[in-house]
Amino acid sequence: MLLQHASLLRTQLQELGFNTGSSCTHIIPIILGNEKRTLSAKKSLAKKNIIVSAIRPPTVAPGTSRLRIALSTKHTQEDIETLIDAVKKV
Protein backbone atom coordinates (compact mmCIF):
# COMPACT_ATOMS: atom_id res chain seq x y z
CA MET A 1 0.00 0.00 0.00
CA LEU A 2 2.87 2.40 0.75
CA LEU A 3 4.28 2.28 -2.76
CA GLN A 4 0.78 2.60 -4.23
CA HIS A 5 0.19 5.77 -2.20
CA ALA A 6 3.59 7.09 -3.26
CA SER A 7 2.86 6.40 -6.92
CA LEU A 8 -0.52 8.12 -6.67
CA LEU A 9 0.97 11.15 -4.93
CA ARG A 10 3.83 11.40 -7.42
CA THR A 11 1.40 11.23 -10.36
CA GLN A 12 -0.88 13.88 -8.88
CA LEU A 13 2.04 16.20 -8.17
CA GLN A 14 3.32 15.79 -11.71
CA GLU A 15 -0.16 16.51 -13.10
CA LEU A 16 -0.07 19.77 -11.13
CA GLY A 17 3.19 20.63 -12.88
CA PHE A 18 5.61 19.82 -10.06
CA ASN A 19 8.98 18.23 -10.74
CA THR A 20 9.36 15.09 -8.61
CA GLY A 21 12.69 14.12 -10.09
CA SER A 22 13.38 10.45 -10.63
CA SER A 23 11.80 9.30 -7.37
CA CYS A 24 10.26 5.83 -7.42
CA THR A 25 10.07 5.24 -3.66
CA HIS A 26 8.01 6.52 -0.74
CA ILE A 27 10.37 9.50 -0.48
CA ILE A 28 9.20 12.10 -2.97
CA PRO A 29 10.89 15.41 -3.73
CA ILE A 30 9.11 18.47 -5.01
CA ILE A 31 11.92 20.32 -6.74
CA LEU A 32 11.11 24.02 -6.51
CA GLY A 33 14.56 25.35 -7.41
CA ASN A 34 14.62 28.58 -5.43
CA GLU A 35 15.71 28.36 -1.77
CA LYS A 36 13.36 31.13 -0.60
CA ARG A 37 10.38 29.55 -2.37
CA THR A 38 11.25 26.18 -0.82
CA LEU A 39 11.47 27.60 2.71
CA SER A 40 8.26 29.56 2.21
CA ALA A 41 6.46 26.42 1.01
CA LYS A 42 7.75 24.44 4.01
CA LYS A 43 6.46 27.11 6.41
CA SER A 44 3.11 27.31 4.62
CA LEU A 45 2.64 23.54 4.85
CA ALA A 46 3.73 23.51 8.51
CA LYS A 47 0.95 25.98 9.32
CA LYS A 48 -1.44 23.28 8.04
CA ASN A 49 0.26 20.61 10.20
CA ILE A 50 1.99 19.08 7.18
CA ILE A 51 5.61 18.41 8.01
CA VAL A 52 8.10 18.19 5.15
CA SER A 53 11.83 18.82 4.98
CA ALA A 54 13.36 21.67 3.01
CA ILE A 55 16.54 20.49 1.28
CA ARG A 56 18.86 23.27 0.09
CA PRO A 57 22.48 23.80 -0.92
CA PRO A 58 24.99 22.55 -0.04
CA THR A 59 23.02 19.32 0.36
CA VAL A 60 21.75 19.69 -3.21
CA ALA A 61 23.11 21.67 -6.13
CA PRO A 62 22.27 25.39 -6.31
CA GLY A 63 18.96 25.94 -8.10
CA THR A 64 17.58 22.52 -7.11
CA SER A 65 16.16 23.23 -3.64
CA ARG A 66 13.26 20.95 -2.83
CA LEU A 67 10.68 19.80 -0.37
CA ARG A 68 11.16 16.21 0.78
CA ILE A 69 7.99 14.23 1.44
CA ALA A 70 8.44 10.95 3.29
CA LEU A 71 5.30 8.83 3.26
CA SER A 72 4.78 6.08 5.79
CA THR A 73 2.37 3.20 6.14
CA LYS A 74 0.37 5.34 8.57
CA HIS A 75 -0.55 7.91 5.91
CA THR A 76 -4.05 7.47 4.56
CA GLN A 77 -5.66 8.39 1.27
CA GLU A 78 -7.22 11.33 3.11
CA ASP A 79 -3.75 12.46 4.22
CA ILE A 80 -2.56 12.40 0.62
CA GLU A 81 -5.59 14.40 -0.54
CA THR A 82 -4.95 16.97 2.21
CA LEU A 83 -1.33 17.25 1.12
CA ILE A 84 -2.27 17.70 -2.54
CA ASP A 85 -4.77 20.44 -1.65
CA ALA A 86 -2.16 22.23 0.46
CA VAL A 87 0.61 21.93 -2.16
CA LYS A 88 -1.66 23.50 -4.78
CA LYS A 89 -1.47 26.73 -2.77
CA VAL A 90 2.33 26.97 -2.38
PDB file of N, CA and C in Angstrom:
ATOM      1  N   MET A   1       0.818  -1.203   0.000  1.00  0.00           N
ATOM      2  CA  MET A   1       0.000   0.000   0.000  1.00  0.00           C
ATOM      3  C   MET A   1       0.864   1.270   0.000  1.00  0.00           C
ATOM      4  N   LEU A   2       2.008   1.218   0.677  1.00  0.00           N
ATOM      5  CA  LEU A   2       2.867   2.398   0.753  1.00  0.00           C
ATOM      6  C   LEU A   2       3.325   2.845  -0.634  1.00  0.00           C
ATOM      7  N   LEU A   3       3.805   1.908  -1.427  1.00  0.00           N
ATOM      8  CA  LEU A   3       4.277   2.280  -2.763  1.00  0.00           C
ATOM      9  C   LEU A   3       3.142   2.702  -3.681  1.00  0.00           C
ATOM     10  N   GLN A   4       1.941   2.165  -3.459  1.00  0.00           N
ATOM     11  CA  GLN A   4       0.776   2.601  -4.232  1.00  0.00           C
ATOM     12  C   GLN A   4       0.434   4.046  -3.903  1.00  0.00           C
ATOM     13  N   HIS A   5       0.454   4.382  -2.611  1.00  0.00           N
ATOM     14  CA  HIS A   5       0.193   5.768  -2.203  1.00  0.00           C
ATOM     15  C   HIS A   5       1.256   6.699  -2.778  1.00  0.00           C
ATOM     16  N   ALA A   6       2.511   6.267  -2.739  1.00  0.00           N
ATOM     17  CA  ALA A   6       3.592   7.093  -3.262  1.00  0.00           C
ATOM     18  C   ALA A   6       3.418   7.315  -4.762  1.00  0.00           C
ATOM     19  N   SER A   7       3.063   6.281  -5.478  1.00  0.00           N
ATOM     20  CA  SER A   7       2.864   6.400  -6.921  1.00  0.00           C
ATOM     21  C   SER A   7       1.718   7.355  -7.235  1.00  0.00           C
ATOM     22  N   LEU A   8       0.633   7.230  -6.494  1.00  0.00           N
ATOM     23  CA  LEU A   8      -0.517   8.116  -6.672  1.00  0.00           C
ATOM     24  C   LEU A   8      -0.127   9.562  -6.393  1.00  0.00           C
ATOM     25  N   LEU A   9       0.559   9.791  -5.286  1.00  0.00           N
ATOM     26  CA  LEU A   9       0.974  11.148  -4.926  1.00  0.00           C
ATOM     27  C   LEU A   9       1.906  11.722  -5.990  1.00  0.00           C
ATOM     28  N   ARG A  10       2.875  10.947  -6.405  1.00  0.00           N
ATOM     29  CA  ARG A  10       3.827  11.397  -7.422  1.00  0.00           C
ATOM     30  C   ARG A  10       3.093  11.790  -8.707  1.00  0.00           C
ATOM     31  N   THR A  11       2.164  10.951  -9.140  1.00  0.00           N
ATOM     32  CA  THR A  11       1.397  11.230 -10.360  1.00  0.00           C
ATOM     33  C   THR A  11       0.592  12.511 -10.219  1.00  0.00           C
ATOM     34  N   GLN A  12      -0.069  12.677  -9.079  1.00  0.00           N
ATOM     35  CA  GLN A  12      -0.884  13.875  -8.876  1.00  0.00           C
ATOM     36  C   GLN A  12      -0.023  15.133  -8.836  1.00  0.00           C
ATOM     37  N   LEU A  13       1.137  15.049  -8.206  1.00  0.00           N
ATOM     38  CA  LEU A  13       2.042  16.201  -8.169  1.00  0.00           C
ATOM     39  C   LEU A  13       2.524  16.552  -9.568  1.00  0.00           C
ATOM     40  N   GLN A  14       2.863  15.549 -10.341  1.00  0.00           N
ATOM     41  CA  GLN A  14       3.316  15.788 -11.711  1.00  0.00           C
ATOM     42  C   GLN A  14       2.203  16.392 -12.557  1.00  0.00           C
ATOM     43  N   GLU A  15       0.968  15.945 -12.359  1.00  0.00           N
ATOM     44  CA  GLU A  15      -0.162  16.511 -13.101  1.00  0.00           C
ATOM     45  C   GLU A  15      -0.380  17.977 -12.760  1.00  0.00           C
ATOM     46  N   LEU A  16       0.030  18.364 -11.549  1.00  0.00           N
ATOM     47  CA  LEU A  16      -0.067  19.773 -11.135  1.00  0.00           C
ATOM     48  C   LEU A  16       1.121  20.589 -11.647  1.00  0.00           C
ATOM     49  N   GLY A  17       2.052  19.923 -12.315  1.00  0.00           N
ATOM     50  CA  GLY A  17       3.189  20.627 -12.882  1.00  0.00           C
ATOM     51  C   GLY A  17       4.436  20.631 -12.025  1.00  0.00           C
ATOM     52  N   PHE A  18       4.437  19.869 -10.935  1.00  0.00           N
ATOM     53  CA  PHE A  18       5.607  19.819 -10.059  1.00  0.00           C
ATOM     54  C   PHE A  18       6.615  18.795 -10.562  1.00  0.00           C
ATOM     55  N   ASN A  19       7.879  19.124 -10.382  1.00  0.00           N
ATOM     56  CA  ASN A  19       8.976  18.232 -10.739  1.00  0.00           C
ATOM     57  C   ASN A  19       9.263  17.334  -9.533  1.00  0.00           C
ATOM     58  N   THR A  20       9.077  16.033  -9.692  1.00  0.00           N
ATOM     59  CA  THR A  20       9.357  15.086  -8.611  1.00  0.00           C
ATOM     60  C   THR A  20      10.628  14.296  -8.890  1.00  0.00           C
ATOM     61  N   GLY A  21      11.429  14.771  -9.807  1.00  0.00           N
ATOM     62  CA  GLY A  21      12.695  14.117 -10.094  1.00  0.00           C
ATOM     63  C   GLY A  21      12.500  12.688 -10.561  1.00  0.00           C
ATOM     64  N   SER A  22      13.431  11.844 -10.198  1.00  0.00           N
ATOM     65  CA  SER A  22      13.383  10.446 -10.626  1.00  0.00           C
ATOM     66  C   SER A  22      12.916   9.523  -9.507  1.00  0.00           C
ATOM     67  N   SER A  23      12.271  10.080  -8.521  1.00  0.00           N
ATOM     68  CA  SER A  23      11.803   9.297  -7.373  1.00  0.00           C
ATOM     69  C   SER A  23      10.904   8.136  -7.799  1.00  0.00           C
ATOM     70  N   CYS A  24      11.143   6.986  -7.211  1.00  0.00           N
ATOM     71  CA  CYS A  24      10.259   5.835  -7.422  1.00  0.00           C
ATOM     72  C   CYS A  24      10.042   5.099  -6.103  1.00  0.00           C
ATOM     73  N   THR A  25      10.248   5.814  -4.989  1.00  0.00           N
ATOM     74  CA  THR A  25      10.070   5.235  -3.664  1.00  0.00           C
ATOM     75  C   THR A  25       9.035   6.051  -2.895  1.00  0.00           C
ATOM     76  N   HIS A  26       8.940   5.790  -1.602  1.00  0.00           N
ATOM     77  CA  HIS A  26       8.006   6.517  -0.738  1.00  0.00           C
ATOM     78  C   HIS A  26       8.551   7.885  -0.326  1.00  0.00           C
ATOM     79  N   ILE A  27       9.783   8.186  -0.731  1.00  0.00           N
ATOM     80  CA  ILE A  27      10.367   9.502  -0.477  1.00  0.00           C
ATOM     81  C   ILE A  27      10.286  10.285  -1.787  1.00  0.00           C
ATOM     82  N   ILE A  28       9.516  11.370  -1.751  1.00  0.00           N
ATOM     83  CA  ILE A  28       9.195  12.102  -2.974  1.00  0.00           C
ATOM     84  C   ILE A  28       9.643  13.552  -2.839  1.00  0.00           C
ATOM     85  N   PRO A  29      10.513  14.001  -3.739  1.00  0.00           N
ATOM     86  CA  PRO A  29      10.889  15.411  -3.726  1.00  0.00           C
ATOM     87  C   PRO A  29       9.910  16.244  -4.557  1.00  0.00           C
ATOM     88  N   ILE A  30       9.761  17.470  -4.156  1.00  0.00           N
ATOM     89  CA  ILE A  30       9.109  18.471  -5.007  1.00  0.00           C
ATOM     90  C   ILE A  30      10.194  19.515  -5.251  1.00  0.00           C
ATOM     91  N   ILE A  31      10.791  19.456  -6.422  1.00  0.00           N
ATOM     92  CA  ILE A  31      11.919  20.320  -6.735  1.00  0.00           C
ATOM     93  C   ILE A  31      11.384  21.690  -7.155  1.00  0.00           C
ATOM     94  N   LEU A  32      11.612  22.664  -6.284  1.00  0.00           N
ATOM     95  CA  LEU A  32      11.109  24.017  -6.511  1.00  0.00           C
ATOM     96  C   LEU A  32      12.192  24.940  -7.051  1.00  0.00           C
ATOM     97  N   GLY A  33      13.454  24.566  -6.878  1.00  0.00           N
ATOM     98  CA  GLY A  33      14.563  25.354  -7.410  1.00  0.00           C
ATOM     99  C   GLY A  33      15.055  26.421  -6.473  1.00  0.00           C
ATOM    100  N   ASN A  34      14.258  27.422  -6.223  1.00  0.00           N
ATOM    101  CA  ASN A  34      14.624  28.585  -5.434  1.00  0.00           C
ATOM    102  C   ASN A  34      14.575  28.271  -3.938  1.00  0.00           C
ATOM    103  N   GLU A  35      15.636  28.634  -3.213  1.00  0.00           N
ATOM    104  CA  GLU A  35      15.705  28.364  -1.773  1.00  0.00           C
ATOM    105  C   GLU A  35      14.601  29.088  -1.001  1.00  0.00           C
ATOM    106  N   LYS A  36      14.385  30.360  -1.322  1.00  0.00           N
ATOM    107  CA  LYS A  36      13.363  31.126  -0.602  1.00  0.00           C
ATOM    108  C   LYS A  36      11.967  30.542  -0.829  1.00  0.00           C
ATOM    109  N   ARG A  37      11.692  30.163  -2.060  1.00  0.00           N
ATOM    110  CA  ARG A  37      10.385  29.548  -2.366  1.00  0.00           C
ATOM    111  C   ARG A  37      10.226  28.237  -1.597  1.00  0.00           C
ATOM    112  N   THR A  38      11.296  27.468  -1.525  1.00  0.00           N
ATOM    113  CA  THR A  38      11.252  26.181  -0.821  1.00  0.00           C
ATOM    114  C   THR A  38      10.986  26.386   0.667  1.00  0.00           C
ATOM    115  N   LEU A  39      11.685  27.327   1.282  1.00  0.00           N
ATOM    116  CA  LEU A  39      11.466  27.597   2.713  1.00  0.00           C
ATOM    117  C   LEU A  39      10.079  28.148   2.968  1.00  0.00           C
ATOM    118  N   SER A  40       9.609  29.005   2.084  1.00  0.00           N
ATOM    119  CA  SER A  40       8.262  29.557   2.213  1.00  0.00           C
ATOM    120  C   SER A  40       7.212  28.449   2.117  1.00  0.00           C
ATOM    121  N   ALA A  41       7.398  27.535   1.176  1.00  0.00           N
ATOM    122  CA  ALA A  41       6.456  26.418   1.009  1.00  0.00           C
ATOM    123  C   ALA A  41       6.462  25.529   2.251  1.00  0.00           C
ATOM    124  N   LYS A  42       7.640  25.259   2.799  1.00  0.00           N
ATOM    125  CA  LYS A  42       7.747  24.439   4.014  1.00  0.00           C
ATOM    126  C   LYS A  42       6.978  25.083   5.163  1.00  0.00           C
ATOM    127  N   LYS A  43       7.156  26.389   5.331  1.00  0.00           N
ATOM    128  CA  LYS A  43       6.461  27.107   6.406  1.00  0.00           C
ATOM    129  C   LYS A  43       4.954  27.103   6.180  1.00  0.00           C
ATOM    130  N   SER A  44       4.535  27.311   4.958  1.00  0.00           N
ATOM    131  CA  SER A  44       3.114  27.308   4.624  1.00  0.00           C
ATOM    132  C   SER A  44       2.475  25.952   4.939  1.00  0.00           C
ATOM    133  N   LEU A  45       3.156  24.887   4.575  1.00  0.00           N
ATOM    134  CA  LEU A  45       2.639  23.545   4.849  1.00  0.00           C
ATOM    135  C   LEU A  45       2.630  23.259   6.352  1.00  0.00           C
ATOM    136  N   ALA A  46       3.663  23.728   7.063  1.00  0.00           N
ATOM    137  CA  ALA A  46       3.731  23.506   8.513  1.00  0.00           C
ATOM    138  C   ALA A  46       2.554  24.163   9.230  1.00  0.00           C
ATOM    139  N   LYS A  47       2.110  25.309   8.730  1.00  0.00           N
ATOM    140  CA  LYS A  47       0.948  25.981   9.324  1.00  0.00           C
ATOM    141  C   LYS A  47      -0.310  25.133   9.198  1.00  0.00           C
ATOM    142  N   LYS A  48      -0.300  24.187   8.249  1.00  0.00           N
ATOM    143  CA  LYS A  48      -1.435  23.285   8.043  1.00  0.00           C
ATOM    144  C   LYS A  48      -1.155  21.906   8.639  1.00  0.00           C
ATOM    145  N   ASN A  49      -0.147  21.855   9.537  1.00  0.00           N
ATOM    146  CA  ASN A  49       0.255  20.612  10.196  1.00  0.00           C
ATOM    147  C   ASN A  49       0.753  19.550   9.230  1.00  0.00           C
ATOM    148  N   ILE A  50       1.362  19.989   8.141  1.00  0.00           N
ATOM    149  CA  ILE A  50       1.993  19.080   7.184  1.00  0.00           C
ATOM    150  C   ILE A  50       3.494  19.309   7.296  1.00  0.00           C
ATOM    151  N   ILE A  51       4.185  18.275   7.763  1.00  0.00           N
ATOM    152  CA  ILE A  51       5.610  18.406   8.013  1.00  0.00           C
ATOM    153  C   ILE A  51       6.399  17.787   6.863  1.00  0.00           C
ATOM    154  N   VAL A  52       7.197  18.618   6.213  1.00  0.00           N
ATOM    155  CA  VAL A  52       8.099  18.187   5.146  1.00  0.00           C
ATOM    156  C   VAL A  52       9.465  18.813   5.427  1.00  0.00           C
ATOM    157  N   SER A  53      10.487  18.251   4.846  1.00  0.00           N
ATOM    158  CA  SER A  53      11.829  18.816   4.978  1.00  0.00           C
ATOM    159  C   SER A  53      12.100  19.745   3.804  1.00  0.00           C
ATOM    160  N   ALA A  54      12.888  20.782   4.062  1.00  0.00           N
ATOM    161  CA  ALA A  54      13.363  21.674   3.006  1.00  0.00           C
ATOM    162  C   ALA A  54      14.834  21.344   2.788  1.00  0.00           C
ATOM    163  N   ILE A  55      15.166  20.882   1.598  1.00  0.00           N
ATOM    164  CA  ILE A  55      16.538  20.492   1.278  1.00  0.00           C
ATOM    165  C   ILE A  55      17.135  21.564   0.366  1.00  0.00           C
ATOM    166  N   ARG A  56      18.250  22.148   0.801  1.00  0.00           N
ATOM    167  CA  ARG A  56      18.865  23.273   0.091  1.00  0.00           C
ATOM    168  C   ARG A  56      20.367  23.054  -0.034  1.00  0.00           C
ATOM    169  N   PRO A  57      21.026  23.892  -0.849  1.00  0.00           N
ATOM    170  CA  PRO A  57      22.482  23.801  -0.922  1.00  0.00           C
ATOM    171  C   PRO A  57      23.081  24.018   0.472  1.00  0.00           C
ATOM    172  N   PRO A  58      24.128  23.347   0.818  1.00  0.00           N
ATOM    173  CA  PRO A  58      24.993  22.554  -0.040  1.00  0.00           C
ATOM    174  C   PRO A  58      24.576  21.081  -0.163  1.00  0.00           C
ATOM    175  N   THR A  59      23.464  20.714   0.445  1.00  0.00           N
ATOM    176  CA  THR A  59      23.023  19.316   0.357  1.00  0.00           C
ATOM    177  C   THR A  59      22.667  18.942  -1.072  1.00  0.00           C
ATOM    178  N   VAL A  60      22.061  19.880  -1.792  1.00  0.00           N
ATOM    179  CA  VAL A  60      21.751  19.685  -3.212  1.00  0.00           C
ATOM    180  C   VAL A  60      22.396  20.823  -3.997  1.00  0.00           C
ATOM    181  N   ALA A  61      22.488  20.645  -5.285  1.00  0.00           N
ATOM    182  CA  ALA A  61      23.113  21.670  -6.135  1.00  0.00           C
ATOM    183  C   ALA A  61      22.306  22.972  -6.099  1.00  0.00           C
ATOM    184  N   PRO A  62      22.983  24.109  -6.232  1.00  0.00           N
ATOM    185  CA  PRO A  62      22.266  25.387  -6.315  1.00  0.00           C
ATOM    186  C   PRO A  62      21.204  25.329  -7.422  1.00  0.00           C
ATOM    187  N   GLY A  63      20.045  25.910  -7.127  1.00  0.00           N
ATOM    188  CA  GLY A  63      18.957  25.935  -8.098  1.00  0.00           C
ATOM    189  C   GLY A  63      18.101  24.683  -8.105  1.00  0.00           C
ATOM    190  N   THR A  64      18.376  23.757  -7.163  1.00  0.00           N
ATOM    191  CA  THR A  64      17.578  22.516  -7.106  1.00  0.00           C
ATOM    192  C   THR A  64      16.976  22.287  -5.717  1.00  0.00           C
ATOM    193  N   SER A  65      16.766  23.362  -4.965  1.00  0.00           N
ATOM    194  CA  SER A  65      16.158  23.229  -3.637  1.00  0.00           C
ATOM    195  C   SER A  65      14.817  22.532  -3.767  1.00  0.00           C
ATOM    196  N   ARG A  66      14.462  21.782  -2.742  1.00  0.00           N
ATOM    197  CA  ARG A  66      13.257  20.950  -2.828  1.00  0.00           C
ATOM    198  C   ARG A  66      12.637  20.685  -1.477  1.00  0.00           C
ATOM    199  N   LEU A  67      11.371  20.344  -1.529  1.00  0.00           N
ATOM    200  CA  LEU A  67      10.682  19.802  -0.371  1.00  0.00           C
ATOM    201  C   LEU A  67      10.872  18.289  -0.429  1.00  0.00           C
ATOM    202  N   ARG A  68      11.012  17.670   0.718  1.00  0.00           N
ATOM    203  CA  ARG A  68      11.165  16.214   0.777  1.00  0.00           C
ATOM    204  C   ARG A  68       9.980  15.644   1.537  1.00  0.00           C
ATOM    205  N   ILE A  69       9.155  14.885   0.839  1.00  0.00           N
ATOM    206  CA  ILE A  69       7.993  14.231   1.439  1.00  0.00           C
ATOM    207  C   ILE A  69       8.363  12.789   1.713  1.00  0.00           C
ATOM    208  N   ALA A  70       8.155  12.340   2.929  1.00  0.00           N
ATOM    209  CA  ALA A  70       8.444  10.953   3.292  1.00  0.00           C
ATOM    210  C   ALA A  70       7.141  10.312   3.768  1.00  0.00           C
ATOM    211  N   LEU A  71       6.536   9.538   2.895  1.00  0.00           N
ATOM    212  CA  LEU A  71       5.303   8.835   3.262  1.00  0.00           C
ATOM    213  C   LEU A  71       5.618   7.644   4.147  1.00  0.00           C
ATOM    214  N   SER A  72       4.656   7.282   4.970  1.00  0.00           N
ATOM    215  CA  SER A  72       4.785   6.075   5.789  1.00  0.00           C
ATOM    216  C   SER A  72       3.509   5.251   5.646  1.00  0.00           C
ATOM    217  N   THR A  73       3.536   4.076   6.205  1.00  0.00           N
ATOM    218  CA  THR A  73       2.366   3.200   6.138  1.00  0.00           C
ATOM    219  C   THR A  73       1.195   3.764   6.932  1.00  0.00           C
ATOM    220  N   LYS A  74       1.450   4.733   7.775  1.00  0.00           N
ATOM    221  CA  LYS A  74       0.373   5.337   8.571  1.00  0.00           C
ATOM    222  C   LYS A  74      -0.389   6.417   7.816  1.00  0.00           C
ATOM    223  N   HIS A  75       0.156   6.887   6.700  1.00  0.00           N
ATOM    224  CA  HIS A  75      -0.546   7.906   5.914  1.00  0.00           C
ATOM    225  C   HIS A  75      -1.710   7.267   5.169  1.00  0.00           C
ATOM    226  N   THR A  76      -2.827   7.962   5.200  1.00  0.00           N
ATOM    227  CA  THR A  76      -4.049   7.468   4.563  1.00  0.00           C
ATOM    228  C   THR A  76      -4.284   8.190   3.240  1.00  0.00           C
ATOM    229  N   GLN A  77      -5.260   7.716   2.506  1.00  0.00           N
ATOM    230  CA  GLN A  77      -5.659   8.388   1.273  1.00  0.00           C
ATOM    231  C   GLN A  77      -6.101   9.818   1.581  1.00  0.00           C
ATOM    232  N   GLU A  78      -6.780   9.991   2.684  1.00  0.00           N
ATOM    233  CA  GLU A  78      -7.215  11.329   3.105  1.00  0.00           C
ATOM    234  C   GLU A  78      -6.017  12.234   3.370  1.00  0.00           C
ATOM    235  N   ASP A  79      -4.966  11.687   3.981  1.00  0.00           N
ATOM    236  CA  ASP A  79      -3.747  12.464   4.220  1.00  0.00           C
ATOM    237  C   ASP A  79      -3.145  12.941   2.901  1.00  0.00           C
ATOM    238  N   ILE A  80      -3.121  12.062   1.923  1.00  0.00           N
ATOM    239  CA  ILE A  80      -2.562  12.405   0.618  1.00  0.00           C
ATOM    240  C   ILE A  80      -3.398  13.491  -0.051  1.00  0.00           C
ATOM    241  N   GLU A  81      -4.712  13.382   0.046  1.00  0.00           N
ATOM    242  CA  GLU A  81      -5.588  14.398  -0.536  1.00  0.00           C
ATOM    243  C   GLU A  81      -5.379  15.748   0.141  1.00  0.00           C
ATOM    244  N   THR A  82      -5.215  15.738   1.465  1.00  0.00           N
ATOM    245  CA  THR A  82      -4.949  16.966   2.212  1.00  0.00           C
ATOM    246  C   THR A  82      -3.632  17.589   1.764  1.00  0.00           C
ATOM    247  N   LEU A  83      -2.621  16.760   1.583  1.00  0.00           N
ATOM    248  CA  LEU A  83      -1.328  17.247   1.119  1.00  0.00           C
ATOM    249  C   LEU A  83      -1.445  17.867  -0.266  1.00  0.00           C
ATOM    250  N   ILE A  84      -2.112  17.187  -1.176  1.00  0.00           N
ATOM    251  CA  ILE A  84      -2.274  17.704  -2.537  1.00  0.00           C
ATOM    252  C   ILE A  84      -2.976  19.059  -2.508  1.00  0.00           C
ATOM    253  N   ASP A  85      -4.051  19.165  -1.735  1.00  0.00           N
ATOM    254  CA  ASP A  85      -4.766  20.445  -1.646  1.00  0.00           C
ATOM    255  C   ASP A  85      -3.870  21.550  -1.120  1.00  0.00           C
ATOM    256  N   ALA A  86      -3.045  21.227  -0.132  1.00  0.00           N
ATOM    257  CA  ALA A  86      -2.158  22.231   0.458  1.00  0.00           C
ATOM    258  C   ALA A  86      -1.047  22.618  -0.522  1.00  0.00           C
ATOM    259  N   VAL A  87      -0.502  21.658  -1.230  1.00  0.00           N
ATOM    260  CA  VAL A  87       0.609  21.925  -2.159  1.00  0.00           C
ATOM    261  C   VAL A  87       0.133  22.790  -3.318  1.00  0.00           C
ATOM    262  N   LYS A  88      -1.125  22.669  -3.694  1.00  0.00           N
ATOM    263  CA  LYS A  88      -1.665  23.503  -4.782  1.00  0.00           C
ATOM    264  C   LYS A  88      -1.521  24.985  -4.466  1.00  0.00           C
ATOM    265  N   LYS A  89      -1.463  25.328  -3.187  1.00  0.00           N
ATOM    266  CA  LYS A  89      -1.470  26.728  -2.770  1.00  0.00           C
ATOM    267  C   LYS A  89      -0.084  27.279  -2.461  1.00  0.00           C
ATOM    268  N   VAL A  90       0.967  26.467  -2.679  1.00  0.00           N
ATOM    269  CA  VAL A  90       2.327  26.975  -2.384  1.00  0.00           C
ATOM    270  C   VAL A  90       2.997  27.489  -3.620  1.00  0.00           C
TER     271      VAL A  90
END
